[in-house]
C-alpha atoms as a PDB file:
ATOM      1  CA  MET A   1       0.036  -0.019  -0.020  1.00  0.00           C
ATOM      2  CA  PRO A   2       1.304   3.440  -0.791  1.00  0.00           C
ATOM      3  CA  ASP A   3       2.416   5.827   1.971  1.00  0.00           C
ATOM      4  CA  PRO A   4      -0.239   8.224   3.219  1.00  0.00           C
ATOM      5  CA  ILE A   5      -0.271  11.832   1.980  1.00  0.00           C
ATOM      6  CA  VAL A   6      -0.954  14.123   4.894  1.00  0.00           C
ATOM      7  CA  PHE A   7      -2.219  17.741   4.789  1.00  0.00           C
ATOM      8  CA  SER A   8      -1.814  19.613   8.013  1.00  0.00           C
ATOM      9  CA  GLY A   9      -3.619  22.977   8.446  1.00  0.00           C
ATOM     10  CA  GLY A  10      -2.369  25.373  11.112  1.00  0.00           C
ATOM     11  CA  ASN A  11      -0.089  28.297  11.722  1.00  0.00           C
ATOM     12  CA  ASP A  12       3.025  26.892   9.919  1.00  0.00           C
ATOM     13  CA  GLY A  13       3.659  25.485   6.536  1.00  0.00           C
ATOM     14  CA  ALA A  14       5.084  25.997   3.048  1.00  0.00           C
ATOM     15  CA  TRP A  15       1.689  27.148   1.645  1.00  0.00           C
ATOM     16  CA  ARG A  16      -0.171  30.305   2.801  1.00  0.00           C
ATOM     17  CA  VAL A  17      -3.923  30.010   2.713  1.00  0.00           C
ATOM     18  CA  THR A  18      -5.227  32.973   0.530  1.00  0.00           C
ATOM     19  CA  ARG A  19      -8.908  31.814   0.606  1.00  0.00           C
ATOM     20  CA  GLN A  20     -10.846  29.151   2.376  1.00  0.00           C
ATOM     21  CA  THR A  21     -14.422  28.521   1.299  1.00  0.00           C
ATOM     22  CA  ALA A  22     -17.089  25.922   2.167  1.00  0.00           C
ATOM     23  CA  ILE A  23     -18.584  25.281  -1.246  1.00  0.00           C
ATOM     24  CA  LYS A  24     -21.126  22.824   0.029  1.00  0.00           C
ATOM     25  CA  GLY A  25     -21.792  21.580   3.583  1.00  0.00           C
ATOM     26  CA  ASN A  26     -19.559  22.328   6.516  1.00  0.00           C
ATOM     27  CA  GLY A  27     -16.152  23.884   6.070  1.00  0.00           C
ATOM     28  CA  VAL A  28     -13.058  23.091   8.049  1.00  0.00           C
ATOM     29  CA  ALA A  29     -11.502  25.189  10.883  1.00  0.00           C
ATOM     30  CA  GLY A  30      -9.762  28.316   9.448  1.00  0.00           C
ATOM     31  CA  VAL A  31      -6.041  28.153   9.114  1.00  0.00           C
ATOM     32  CA  ASP A  32      -3.266  30.448   7.983  1.00  0.00           C
ATOM     33  CA  ARG A  33      -0.853  27.794   6.520  1.00  0.00           C
ATOM     34  CA  LEU A  34      -0.876  24.301   5.166  1.00  0.00           C
ATOM     35  CA  THR A  35       1.795  21.646   4.952  1.00  0.00           C
ATOM     36  CA  LYS A  36       1.608  18.686   2.504  1.00  0.00           C
ATOM     37  CA  GLY A  37       3.847  15.782   3.635  1.00  0.00           C
ATOM     38  CA  GLY A  38       4.110  12.366   5.006  1.00  0.00           C
ATOM     39  CA  GLN A  39       3.609  13.138   8.743  1.00  0.00           C
ATOM     40  CA  PRO A  40       1.126  15.265  10.569  1.00  0.00           C
ATOM     41  CA  ILE A  41       2.578  18.536  11.906  1.00  0.00           C
ATOM     42  CA  ALA A  42       2.612  18.892  15.678  1.00  0.00           C
ATOM     43  CA  GLY A  43       0.082  21.457  16.828  1.00  0.00           C
ATOM     44  CA  ALA A  44      -1.864  21.418  13.582  1.00  0.00           C
ATOM     45  CA  THR A  45      -5.420  22.654  13.768  1.00  0.00           C
ATOM     46  CA  TRP A  46      -6.593  19.838  11.535  1.00  0.00           C
ATOM     47  CA  VAL A  47      -5.089  16.934   9.701  1.00  0.00           C
ATOM     48  CA  LEU A  48      -6.517  15.293   6.569  1.00  0.00           C
ATOM     49  CA  SER A  49      -4.867  12.179   5.093  1.00  0.00           C
ATOM     50  CA  GLY A  50      -5.288   9.483   2.510  1.00  0.00           C
ATOM     51  CA  VAL A  51      -3.543   7.391   0.020  1.00  0.00           C
ATOM     52  CA  PRO A  52      -3.036   7.614  -3.780  1.00  0.00           C
ATOM     53  CA  SER A  53      -4.777   4.760  -5.546  1.00  0.00           C
ATOM     54  CA  ASN A  54      -5.127   3.067  -8.833  1.00  0.00           C
ATOM     55  CA  LEU A  55      -7.227   4.634 -11.560  1.00  0.00           C
ATOM     56  CA  ARG A  56     -10.660   3.303 -10.568  1.00  0.00           C
ATOM     57  CA  TYR A  57     -12.886   4.644 -13.346  1.00  0.00           C
ATOM     58  CA  THR A  58     -10.453   5.258 -16.155  1.00  0.00           C
ATOM     59  CA  ASN A  59     -10.627   3.177 -19.321  1.00  0.00           C
ATOM     60  CA  ALA A  60      -7.581   2.298 -21.471  1.00  0.00           C
ATOM     61  CA  ALA A  61      -8.044   5.227 -23.925  1.00  0.00           C
ATOM     62  CA  GLU A  62      -8.400   7.706 -21.040  1.00  0.00           C
ATOM     63  CA  LYS A  63      -5.287   6.275 -19.338  1.00  0.00           C
ATOM     64  CA  ARG A  64      -3.185   6.770 -22.581  1.00  0.00           C
ATOM     65  CA  VAL A  65      -4.268  10.448 -22.643  1.00  0.00           C
ATOM     66  CA  LEU A  66      -3.341  10.852 -18.935  1.00  0.00           C
ATOM     67  CA  ASP A  67      -0.004   9.051 -19.484  1.00  0.00           C
ATOM     68  CA  ALA A  68       0.811  11.280 -22.532  1.00  0.00           C
ATOM     69  CA  THR A  69       0.588  14.381 -20.348  1.00  0.00           C
ATOM     70  CA  PRO A  70       1.818  13.460 -16.880  1.00  0.00           C
ATOM     71  CA  SER A  71       0.846  15.547 -13.907  1.00  0.00           C
ATOM     72  CA  VAL A  72       4.174  16.948 -12.560  1.00  0.00           C
ATOM     73  CA  LEU A  73       3.905  18.261  -8.991  1.00  0.00           C
ATOM     74  CA  GLY A  74       6.487  20.558  -7.617  1.00  0.00           C
ATOM     75  CA  ARG A  75       7.212  22.563 -10.792  1.00  0.00           C
ATOM     76  CA  PRO A  76       9.055  25.736  -9.719  1.00  0.00           C
ATOM     77  CA  ALA A  77       6.599  28.030 -11.622  1.00  0.00           C
ATOM     78  CA  ALA A  78       3.629  26.345  -9.804  1.00  0.00           C
ATOM     79  CA  THR A  79       3.421  28.715  -6.906  1.00  0.00           C
ATOM     80  CA  ARG A  80      -0.378  28.448  -6.519  1.00  0.00           C
ATOM     81  CA  ALA A  81      -2.265  25.475  -5.302  1.00  0.00           C
ATOM     82  CA  ALA A  82      -5.634  24.393  -4.080  1.00  0.00           C
ATOM     83  CA  LEU A  83      -6.750  21.577  -1.746  1.00  0.00           C
ATOM     84  CA  ILE A  84     -10.224  20.432  -2.268  1.00  0.00           C
ATOM     85  CA  PRO A  85     -11.696  17.879   0.130  1.00  0.00           C
ATOM     86  CA  ILE A  86     -14.901  16.184  -1.008  1.00  0.00           C
ATOM     87  CA  ALA A  87     -17.412  13.916   0.478  1.00  0.00           C
ATOM     88  CA  LYS A  88     -20.073  12.220  -1.703  1.00  0.00           C
ATOM     89  CA  SER A  89     -23.539  11.114  -0.688  1.00  0.00           C
ATOM     90  CA  ALA A  90     -24.678   7.699   0.457  1.00  0.00           C
ATOM     91  CA  ALA A  91     -26.650   7.528  -2.881  1.00  0.00           C
ATOM     92  CA  TRP A  92     -23.316   7.781  -4.793  1.00  0.00           C
ATOM     93  CA  TRP A  93     -21.751   4.987  -2.794  1.00  0.00           C
ATOM     94  CA  ALA A  94     -24.945   2.921  -3.124  1.00  0.00           C
ATOM     95  CA  LEU A  95     -24.369   2.821  -6.980  1.00  0.00           C
ATOM     96  CA  ALA A  96     -22.425  -0.028  -8.410  1.00  0.00           C
ATOM     97  CA  GLN A  97     -18.930   0.920  -9.775  1.00  0.00           C
ATOM     98  CA  ASP A  98     -20.138   0.705 -13.387  1.00  0.00           C
ATOM     99  CA  GLU A  99     -23.115   3.006 -12.470  1.00  0.00           C
ATOM    100  CA  ARG A 100     -20.785   5.527 -10.843  1.00  0.00           C
ATOM    101  CA  ARG A 101     -18.569   5.379 -14.057  1.00  0.00           C
ATOM    102  CA  VAL A 102     -21.641   6.229 -16.148  1.00  0.00           C
ATOM    103  CA  VAL A 103     -22.347   9.357 -14.013  1.00  0.00           C
ATOM    104  CA  LEU A 104     -18.613  10.307 -13.732  1.00  0.00           C
ATOM    105  CA  GLU A 105     -17.675  10.070 -17.379  1.00  0.00           C
ATOM    106  CA  ASP A 106     -20.541   9.214 -19.720  1.00  0.00           C
ATOM    107  CA  LYS A 107     -22.843  11.905 -18.233  1.00  0.00           C
ATOM    108  CA  SER A 108     -20.348  14.383 -16.574  1.00  0.00           C
ATOM    109  CA  ARG A 109     -17.152  13.846 -18.691  1.00  0.00           C
ATOM    110  CA  HIS A 110     -15.065  14.325 -15.576  1.00  0.00           C
ATOM    111  CA  ILE A 111     -11.965  12.687 -16.971  1.00  0.00           C
ATOM    112  CA  ALA A 112     -12.334  14.323 -20.336  1.00  0.00           C
ATOM    113  CA  ILE A 113     -12.702  17.746 -18.830  1.00  0.00           C
ATOM    114  CA  GLY A 114      -9.726  17.307 -16.593  1.00  0.00           C
ATOM    115  CA  SER A 115      -7.631  16.038 -19.454  1.00  0.00           C
ATOM    116  CA  ASP A 116      -8.115  19.392 -21.256  1.00  0.00           C
ATOM    117  CA  TYR A 117      -6.267  21.163 -18.406  1.00  0.00           C
ATOM    118  CA  LEU A 118      -3.352  18.735 -17.809  1.00  0.00           C
ATOM    119  CA  SER A 119      -0.705  21.005 -19.331  1.00  0.00           C
ATOM    120  CA  ALA A 120      -1.616  23.924 -17.061  1.00  0.00           C
ATOM    121  CA  VAL A 121      -2.790  22.255 -13.839  1.00  0.00           C
ATOM    122  CA  SER A 122      -1.070  19.404 -12.040  1.00  0.00           C
ATOM    123  CA  ARG A 123      -3.215  17.294  -9.787  1.00  0.00           C
ATOM    124  CA  GLN A 124      -2.972  14.435  -7.343  1.00  0.00           C
ATOM    125  CA  LEU A 125      -6.120  12.492  -6.151  1.00  0.00           C
ATOM    126  CA  VAL A 126      -5.965  11.032  -2.636  1.00  0.00           C
ATOM    127  CA  HIS A 127      -8.496   8.549  -1.447  1.00  0.00           C
ATOM    128  CA  CYS A 128      -9.527   8.675   2.138  1.00  0.00           C
ATOM    129  CA  ARG A 129     -13.007   7.093   2.330  1.00  0.00           C
ATOM    130  CA  ASP A 130     -11.706   3.877   3.761  1.00  0.00           C
ATOM    131  CA  GLN A 131      -9.324   5.593   6.216  1.00  0.00           C
ATOM    132  CA  PRO A 132     -10.301   5.312   9.936  1.00  0.00           C
ATOM    133  CA  GLY A 133     -11.962   8.518  11.076  1.00  0.00           C
ATOM    134  CA  ALA A 134     -12.127  10.107   7.537  1.00  0.00           C
ATOM    135  CA  VAL A 135     -14.670  12.778   7.116  1.00  0.00           C
ATOM    136  CA  PHE A 136     -13.997  13.218   3.395  1.00  0.00           C
ATOM    137  CA  ASP A 137     -13.905  10.672   0.582  1.00  0.00           C
ATOM    138  CA  PHE A 138     -11.297  12.387  -1.533  1.00  0.00           C
ATOM    139  CA  LEU A 139      -8.665  15.097  -1.243  1.00  0.00           C
ATOM    140  CA  THR A 140      -7.651  16.669  -4.509  1.00  0.00           C
ATOM    141  CA  TRP A 141      -4.458  18.602  -4.628  1.00  0.00           C
ATOM    142  CA  PHE A 142      -3.783  20.978  -7.560  1.00  0.00           C
ATOM    143  CA  GLU A 143      -0.769  23.018  -8.433  1.00  0.00           C
ATOM    144  CA  PHE A 144      -0.424  25.680 -11.114  1.00  0.00           C
ATOM    145  CA  PRO A 145       1.461  28.835 -12.131  1.00  0.00           C
ATOM    146  CA  PRO A 146      -0.243  32.106 -11.238  1.00  0.00           C
ATOM    147  CA  ALA A 147      -0.849  32.784 -14.931  1.00  0.00           C
ATOM    148  CA  ASP A 148      -2.975  29.592 -15.136  1.00  0.00           C
ATOM    149  CA  GLU A 149      -5.183  30.368 -12.156  1.00  0.00           C
ATOM    150  CA  GLY A 150      -7.945  31.459 -14.520  1.00  0.00           C
ATOM    151  CA  ARG A 151      -7.760  28.093 -16.361  1.00  0.00           C
ATOM    152  CA  PHE A 152      -8.008  26.346 -12.973  1.00  0.00           C
ATOM    153  CA  ASP A 153     -11.142  28.415 -12.155  1.00  0.00           C
ATOM    154  CA  GLU A 154     -12.621  27.399 -15.560  1.00  0.00           C
ATOM    155  CA  LEU A 155     -11.826  23.714 -14.773  1.00  0.00           C
ATOM    156  CA  LEU A 156     -13.606  23.898 -11.357  1.00  0.00           C
ATOM    157  CA  ALA A 157     -16.659  25.663 -12.971  1.00  0.00           C
ATOM    158  CA  LYS A 158     -16.963  23.008 -15.529  1.00  0.00           C
ATOM    159  CA  LEU A 159     -16.649  20.172 -13.085  1.00  0.00           C
ATOM    160  CA  ARG A 160     -19.148  21.752 -10.598  1.00  0.00           C
ATOM    161  CA  ALA A 161     -21.688  22.131 -13.371  1.00  0.00           C
ATOM    162  CA  THR A 162     -21.929  18.385 -14.055  1.00  0.00           C
ATOM    163  CA  PRO A 163     -24.429  15.711 -12.927  1.00  0.00           C
ATOM    164  CA  GLU A 164     -21.701  14.140 -10.838  1.00  0.00           C
ATOM    165  CA  TRP A 165     -21.548  17.186  -8.503  1.00  0.00           C
ATOM    166  CA  GLY A 166     -25.259  16.540  -7.577  1.00  0.00           C
ATOM    167  CA  PHE A 167     -23.803  13.670  -5.469  1.00  0.00           C
ATOM    168  CA  VAL A 168     -21.380  15.922  -3.513  1.00  0.00           C
ATOM    169  CA  GLU A 169     -22.540  16.492   0.072  1.00  0.00           C
ATOM    170  CA  ARG A 170     -19.569  18.421   1.280  1.00  0.00           C
ATOM    171  CA  GLU A 171     -16.778  20.395  -0.530  1.00  0.00           C
ATOM    172  CA  VAL A 172     -14.253  22.754   0.845  1.00  0.00           C
ATOM    173  CA  GLU A 173     -11.864  24.809  -1.297  1.00  0.00           C
ATOM    174  CA  LEU A 174      -8.526  26.121   0.132  1.00  0.00           C
ATOM    175  CA  ARG A 175      -6.585  28.338  -2.221  1.00  0.00           C
ATOM    176  CA  LEU A 176      -2.852  28.546  -1.533  1.00  0.00           C
ATOM    177  CA  GLU A 177       0.210  30.458  -2.360  1.00  0.00           C
ATOM    178  CA  LYS A 178       3.739  29.118  -1.930  1.00  0.00           C
ATOM    179  CA  VAL A 179       5.731  30.851   0.681  1.00  0.00           C
ATOM    180  CA  SER A 180       9.159  31.792  -0.578  1.00  0.00           C
END
């Protein structure tokens, strides 16, 4: 099993929180900084963690597109980031995996929409639904250069307008800026 990826929110960290918004449902406690790493930071206000996983809903053709434009985290120019924790409804999890795939891609085009932004926005999906005490199902980490923040906003608007987002019960958006 892959090592957990831990996000610690508090007063210290390499990322300054520039905006924190509860998009749907309850937010998380307000913090000034965020650390992304392998271990929780002592004194953190909150800690969210999960593990990267296999591509659960991606078919072979989509995987080829994703592999052709790899998501590269840590690019020097990517001094903006976003952490978006999401929890989906019981109705979502009651669907069979093939039914979730129909909503995710056939109806919502989630993978196709995201693929259009791969060159500008790097991303990492972390699964936490099966983690003890998890309050979110997914943690999505995005990094992008300041010049591509508009493209990131466009990506979010398109995804949030899809049928899939009808199954989201809780979504928090933390916008971040790398501290030099």
